[in-house]
């Protein structure tokens, strides 16, 4: 219940004052500390620092995906959890689309 109360408190849980950003891999990698921890799940990036003390598995489990795409790890442990709803106030934005070169032409994946 404390986590729910915090998400409804109006506090800025993203650290971005309500704006969503496009996150590059390089930017994601920078946020890999307990007090500045971003995790990507299915293309969406969340600032999970405010959630650290509420995570049932403890902060060590969250830190395993700090600054990384944690989708596979998340699915191994609890695919059934509705993270979109639980972390919606922590949404930083989407991962940036990487351009790819195919047969000499630039394409966006």
N, C-alpha and C. Protein backbone atom coordinates (compact mmCIF):
# COMPACT_ATOMS: atom_id res chain seq x y z
N UNK A 1 0.81 -1.20 0.00
CA UNK A 1 0.00 0.00 0.00
C UNK A 1 0.85 1.26 0.00
N UNK A 2 2.03 1.23 0.62
CA UNK A 2 2.87 2.41 0.64
C UNK A 2 3.30 2.82 -0.76
N UNK A 3 3.58 1.83 -1.64
CA UNK A 3 3.96 2.15 -3.01
C UNK A 3 2.80 2.84 -3.74
N UNK A 4 1.61 2.33 -3.56
CA UNK A 4 0.44 2.93 -4.20
C UNK A 4 0.25 4.36 -3.70
N UNK A 5 0.41 4.55 -2.42
CA UNK A 5 0.28 5.89 -1.85
C UNK A 5 1.32 6.84 -2.45
N UNK A 6 2.56 6.37 -2.61
CA UNK A 6 3.61 7.20 -3.20
C UNK A 6 3.29 7.54 -4.65
N UNK A 7 2.79 6.58 -5.43
CA UNK A 7 2.50 6.85 -6.84
C UNK A 7 1.35 7.84 -7.00
N UNK A 8 0.50 7.94 -6.01
CA UNK A 8 -0.64 8.87 -6.07
C UNK A 8 -0.35 10.19 -5.36
N UNK A 9 0.88 10.35 -4.86
CA UNK A 9 1.23 11.54 -4.08
C UNK A 9 1.48 12.78 -4.93
N UNK A 10 1.68 12.59 -6.24
CA UNK A 10 2.00 13.72 -7.10
C UNK A 10 3.49 14.00 -7.20
N UNK A 11 4.31 13.24 -6.48
CA UNK A 11 5.76 13.42 -6.57
C UNK A 11 6.26 13.01 -7.95
N UNK A 12 7.31 13.67 -8.40
CA UNK A 12 7.93 13.35 -9.69
C UNK A 12 8.80 12.11 -9.51
N UNK A 13 8.29 10.96 -9.90
CA UNK A 13 9.02 9.69 -9.73
C UNK A 13 9.93 9.38 -10.92
N UNK A 14 9.86 10.18 -11.96
CA UNK A 14 10.72 9.95 -13.12
C UNK A 14 12.01 10.76 -13.03
N UNK A 15 11.93 11.89 -12.36
CA UNK A 15 13.07 12.80 -12.34
C UNK A 15 13.10 13.70 -13.56
N UNK A 16 12.06 13.64 -14.38
CA UNK A 16 12.03 14.41 -15.63
C UNK A 16 10.90 15.44 -15.67
N UNK A 17 10.28 15.68 -14.53
CA UNK A 17 9.22 16.69 -14.42
C UNK A 17 8.08 16.47 -15.41
N UNK A 18 7.69 15.22 -15.58
CA UNK A 18 6.52 14.90 -16.38
C UNK A 18 6.71 14.76 -17.87
N UNK A 19 7.91 14.99 -18.38
CA UNK A 19 8.08 14.84 -19.83
C UNK A 19 8.66 13.46 -20.14
N UNK A 20 8.22 12.90 -21.25
CA UNK A 20 8.72 11.61 -21.71
C UNK A 20 9.84 11.86 -22.72
N UNK A 21 10.85 11.01 -22.70
CA UNK A 21 11.96 11.17 -23.62
C UNK A 21 12.21 9.88 -24.40
N UNK A 22 12.96 10.02 -25.47
CA UNK A 22 13.44 8.88 -26.22
C UNK A 22 14.81 8.54 -25.64
N UNK A 23 15.01 7.31 -25.24
CA UNK A 23 16.22 6.91 -24.52
C UNK A 23 17.10 6.05 -25.42
N UNK A 24 18.34 6.47 -25.57
CA UNK A 24 19.31 5.68 -26.33
C UNK A 24 19.94 4.63 -25.40
N UNK A 25 20.57 3.63 -26.00
CA UNK A 25 21.27 2.63 -25.18
C UNK A 25 22.33 3.28 -24.32
N UNK A 26 23.04 4.26 -24.90
CA UNK A 26 24.10 4.95 -24.17
C UNK A 26 23.54 5.68 -22.95
N UNK A 27 22.39 6.34 -23.12
CA UNK A 27 21.76 7.04 -22.01
C UNK A 27 21.29 6.06 -20.94
N UNK A 28 20.67 4.98 -21.35
CA UNK A 28 20.19 3.96 -20.42
C UNK A 28 21.33 3.44 -19.55
N UNK A 29 22.48 3.17 -20.17
CA UNK A 29 23.63 2.62 -19.45
C UNK A 29 24.14 3.54 -18.35
N UNK A 30 23.93 4.84 -18.48
CA UNK A 30 24.40 5.81 -17.49
C UNK A 30 23.62 5.71 -16.18
N UNK A 31 22.42 5.19 -16.23
CA UNK A 31 21.53 5.16 -15.06
C UNK A 31 21.57 3.77 -14.42
N UNK A 32 22.69 3.49 -13.75
CA UNK A 32 22.92 2.14 -13.24
C UNK A 32 23.29 2.10 -11.76
N UNK A 33 22.83 3.10 -11.01
CA UNK A 33 23.10 3.16 -9.58
C UNK A 33 21.78 3.12 -8.81
N UNK A 34 21.85 2.73 -7.55
CA UNK A 34 20.64 2.59 -6.75
C UNK A 34 19.80 3.87 -6.74
N UNK A 35 20.45 5.03 -6.61
CA UNK A 35 19.70 6.28 -6.54
C UNK A 35 19.44 6.90 -7.92
N UNK A 36 19.85 6.20 -8.96
CA UNK A 36 19.62 6.64 -10.35
C UNK A 36 19.58 5.38 -11.22
N UNK A 37 18.47 4.67 -11.14
CA UNK A 37 18.37 3.35 -11.77
C UNK A 37 17.22 3.30 -12.77
N UNK A 38 17.60 3.20 -14.04
CA UNK A 38 16.61 3.04 -15.11
C UNK A 38 16.70 1.62 -15.63
N UNK A 39 15.55 1.06 -15.94
CA UNK A 39 15.46 -0.29 -16.50
C UNK A 39 14.50 -0.26 -17.68
N UNK A 40 14.87 -0.95 -18.75
CA UNK A 40 14.01 -1.07 -19.91
C UNK A 40 13.28 -2.40 -19.84
N UNK A 41 11.97 -2.36 -20.05
CA UNK A 41 11.15 -3.58 -20.15
C UNK A 41 10.27 -3.42 -21.37
N UNK A 42 10.45 -4.32 -22.33
CA UNK A 42 9.69 -4.33 -23.58
C UNK A 42 9.68 -2.97 -24.30
N UNK A 43 10.84 -2.33 -24.33
CA UNK A 43 10.97 -1.09 -25.07
C UNK A 43 10.60 0.17 -24.31
N UNK A 44 10.10 0.02 -23.10
CA UNK A 44 9.77 1.18 -22.26
C UNK A 44 10.78 1.29 -21.12
N UNK A 45 11.19 2.51 -20.83
CA UNK A 45 12.21 2.74 -19.81
C UNK A 45 11.57 3.35 -18.57
N UNK A 46 11.91 2.78 -17.42
CA UNK A 46 11.36 3.21 -16.14
C UNK A 46 12.48 3.61 -15.19
N UNK A 47 12.26 4.67 -14.42
CA UNK A 47 13.16 5.02 -13.33
C UNK A 47 12.66 4.25 -12.12
N UNK A 48 13.35 3.17 -11.78
CA UNK A 48 12.89 2.31 -10.68
C UNK A 48 13.53 2.67 -9.34
N UNK A 49 14.30 3.73 -9.30
CA UNK A 49 14.91 4.15 -8.03
C UNK A 49 13.89 4.34 -6.92
N UNK A 50 12.76 5.03 -7.19
CA UNK A 50 11.78 5.21 -6.12
C UNK A 50 11.15 3.89 -5.66
N UNK A 51 11.19 2.88 -6.52
CA UNK A 51 10.56 1.59 -6.21
C UNK A 51 11.48 0.65 -5.43
N UNK A 52 12.77 0.97 -5.35
CA UNK A 52 13.76 0.08 -4.74
C UNK A 52 13.31 -0.49 -3.40
N UNK A 53 12.90 0.38 -2.50
CA UNK A 53 12.57 -0.10 -1.15
C UNK A 53 11.25 -0.87 -1.09
N UNK A 54 10.47 -0.84 -2.15
CA UNK A 54 9.17 -1.53 -2.16
C UNK A 54 9.22 -2.86 -2.91
N UNK A 55 10.27 -3.10 -3.67
CA UNK A 55 10.36 -4.32 -4.48
C UNK A 55 10.46 -5.54 -3.57
N UNK A 56 9.53 -6.50 -3.71
CA UNK A 56 9.52 -7.67 -2.83
C UNK A 56 10.82 -8.49 -2.89
N UNK A 57 11.49 -8.49 -4.03
CA UNK A 57 12.74 -9.25 -4.16
C UNK A 57 13.96 -8.49 -3.68
N UNK A 58 13.76 -7.24 -3.27
CA UNK A 58 14.86 -6.43 -2.77
C UNK A 58 15.56 -5.67 -3.87
N UNK A 59 16.36 -4.72 -3.45
CA UNK A 59 17.05 -3.86 -4.41
C UNK A 59 18.10 -4.61 -5.21
N UNK A 60 18.71 -5.64 -4.66
CA UNK A 60 19.73 -6.40 -5.40
C UNK A 60 19.15 -7.00 -6.69
N UNK A 61 17.92 -7.46 -6.62
CA UNK A 61 17.29 -8.03 -7.82
C UNK A 61 17.06 -6.96 -8.88
N UNK A 62 16.60 -5.79 -8.48
CA UNK A 62 16.40 -4.70 -9.44
C UNK A 62 17.73 -4.25 -10.03
N UNK A 63 18.75 -4.22 -9.21
CA UNK A 63 20.06 -3.76 -9.67
C UNK A 63 20.67 -4.70 -10.72
N UNK A 64 20.20 -5.91 -10.81
CA UNK A 64 20.70 -6.84 -11.83
C UNK A 64 20.39 -6.32 -13.24
N UNK A 65 19.36 -5.49 -13.37
CA UNK A 65 18.97 -4.95 -14.67
C UNK A 65 19.22 -3.45 -14.77
N UNK A 66 19.94 -2.89 -13.83
CA UNK A 66 20.19 -1.45 -13.81
C UNK A 66 20.93 -0.99 -15.05
N UNK A 67 20.34 -0.04 -15.76
CA UNK A 67 20.97 0.50 -16.95
C UNK A 67 20.92 -0.42 -18.16
N UNK A 68 20.06 -1.43 -18.10
CA UNK A 68 20.00 -2.45 -19.14
C UNK A 68 18.57 -2.72 -19.58
N UNK A 69 18.44 -3.53 -20.62
CA UNK A 69 17.14 -4.08 -20.99
C UNK A 69 16.91 -5.28 -20.07
N UNK A 70 15.98 -5.15 -19.17
CA UNK A 70 15.71 -6.19 -18.19
C UNK A 70 14.54 -7.08 -18.56
N UNK A 71 14.10 -7.05 -19.81
CA UNK A 71 12.92 -7.81 -20.22
C UNK A 71 13.07 -9.29 -19.95
N UNK A 72 14.18 -9.87 -20.37
CA UNK A 72 14.37 -11.32 -20.20
C UNK A 72 14.42 -11.70 -18.73
N UNK A 73 15.14 -10.94 -17.93
CA UNK A 73 15.21 -11.20 -16.50
C UNK A 73 13.83 -11.07 -15.86
N UNK A 74 13.10 -10.02 -16.22
CA UNK A 74 11.76 -9.81 -15.70
C UNK A 74 10.87 -11.01 -16.03
N UNK A 75 10.91 -11.45 -17.28
CA UNK A 75 10.07 -12.57 -17.70
C UNK A 75 10.44 -13.87 -17.00
N UNK A 76 11.70 -14.06 -16.69
CA UNK A 76 12.12 -15.27 -15.98
C UNK A 76 11.55 -15.32 -14.57
N UNK A 77 11.43 -14.17 -13.94
CA UNK A 77 11.03 -14.11 -12.54
C UNK A 77 9.53 -13.94 -12.35
N UNK A 78 8.93 -13.01 -13.08
CA UNK A 78 7.50 -12.77 -12.88
C UNK A 78 6.84 -12.11 -14.08
N UNK A 79 6.74 -12.88 -15.14
CA UNK A 79 6.10 -12.42 -16.37
C UNK A 79 4.65 -11.96 -16.12
N UNK A 80 3.98 -12.51 -15.15
CA UNK A 80 2.58 -12.25 -14.87
C UNK A 80 2.32 -10.89 -14.23
N UNK A 81 3.35 -10.20 -13.73
CA UNK A 81 3.17 -8.93 -13.03
C UNK A 81 2.81 -7.83 -14.03
N UNK A 82 1.83 -7.02 -13.70
CA UNK A 82 1.40 -5.90 -14.53
C UNK A 82 2.29 -4.69 -14.22
N UNK A 83 3.52 -4.72 -14.76
CA UNK A 83 4.49 -3.67 -14.48
C UNK A 83 4.06 -2.32 -15.07
N UNK A 84 3.32 -2.35 -16.21
CA UNK A 84 2.90 -1.09 -16.83
C UNK A 84 2.05 -0.26 -15.86
N UNK A 85 1.14 -0.92 -15.19
CA UNK A 85 0.28 -0.23 -14.24
C UNK A 85 1.06 0.15 -12.98
N UNK A 86 1.86 -0.78 -12.48
CA UNK A 86 2.58 -0.56 -11.24
C UNK A 86 3.64 0.54 -11.36
N UNK A 87 4.26 0.65 -12.54
CA UNK A 87 5.36 1.60 -12.71
C UNK A 87 5.01 2.79 -13.60
N UNK A 88 3.73 2.99 -13.91
CA UNK A 88 3.36 4.04 -14.87
C UNK A 88 3.83 5.43 -14.44
N UNK A 89 3.90 5.70 -13.16
CA UNK A 89 4.37 7.00 -12.68
C UNK A 89 5.89 7.13 -12.77
N UNK A 90 6.57 6.03 -13.10
CA UNK A 90 8.03 6.01 -13.22
C UNK A 90 8.50 5.97 -14.67
N UNK A 91 7.55 6.05 -15.60
CA UNK A 91 7.89 5.94 -17.02
C UNK A 91 8.72 7.13 -17.48
N UNK A 92 9.91 6.83 -17.98
CA UNK A 92 10.83 7.83 -18.50
C UNK A 92 10.55 8.06 -19.98
N UNK A 93 10.29 6.98 -20.71
CA UNK A 93 10.02 7.06 -22.14
C UNK A 93 10.26 5.75 -22.84
N UNK A 94 10.43 5.83 -24.16
CA UNK A 94 10.67 4.64 -24.99
C UNK A 94 12.13 4.58 -25.40
N UNK A 95 12.58 3.38 -25.67
CA UNK A 95 13.92 3.21 -26.22
C UNK A 95 13.93 3.77 -27.63
N UNK A 96 15.03 4.40 -27.99
CA UNK A 96 15.19 4.95 -29.34
C UNK A 96 15.32 3.80 -30.34
N UNK A 97 14.78 4.02 -31.51
CA UNK A 97 14.89 3.03 -32.59
C UNK A 97 16.29 3.14 -33.18
N UNK A 98 16.93 2.00 -33.34
CA UNK A 98 18.27 1.98 -33.92
C UNK A 98 18.19 1.91 -35.43
N UNK A 99 18.90 2.77 -36.12
CA UNK A 99 18.94 2.65 -37.58
C UNK A 99 19.78 1.43 -37.96
N UNK A 100 19.42 0.81 -39.06
CA UNK A 100 20.16 -0.36 -39.54
C UNK A 100 20.49 -0.16 -41.01
N UNK A 101 21.62 -0.67 -41.41
CA UNK A 101 22.03 -0.58 -42.80
C UNK A 101 21.81 -1.94 -43.45
N UNK A 102 20.98 -1.96 -44.48
CA UNK A 102 20.69 -3.19 -45.22
C UNK A 102 21.01 -2.95 -46.69
N UNK A 103 21.96 -3.69 -47.20
CA UNK A 103 22.35 -3.59 -48.62
C UNK A 103 22.62 -2.15 -49.03
N UNK A 104 23.37 -1.43 -48.19
CA UNK A 104 23.77 -0.09 -48.54
C UNK A 104 22.73 0.99 -48.32
N UNK A 105 21.54 0.64 -47.83
CA UNK A 105 20.49 1.63 -47.59
C UNK A 105 20.24 1.74 -46.10
N UNK A 106 19.91 2.93 -45.64
CA UNK A 106 19.61 3.16 -44.25
C UNK A 106 18.12 2.88 -44.00
N UNK A 107 17.85 2.04 -43.06
CA UNK A 107 16.47 1.71 -42.68
C UNK A 107 16.32 1.91 -41.19
N UNK A 108 15.12 2.19 -40.76
CA UNK A 108 14.83 2.26 -39.33
C UNK A 108 14.03 1.04 -38.94
N UNK A 109 14.52 0.37 -37.93
CA UNK A 109 13.83 -0.85 -37.46
C UNK A 109 12.70 -0.49 -36.55
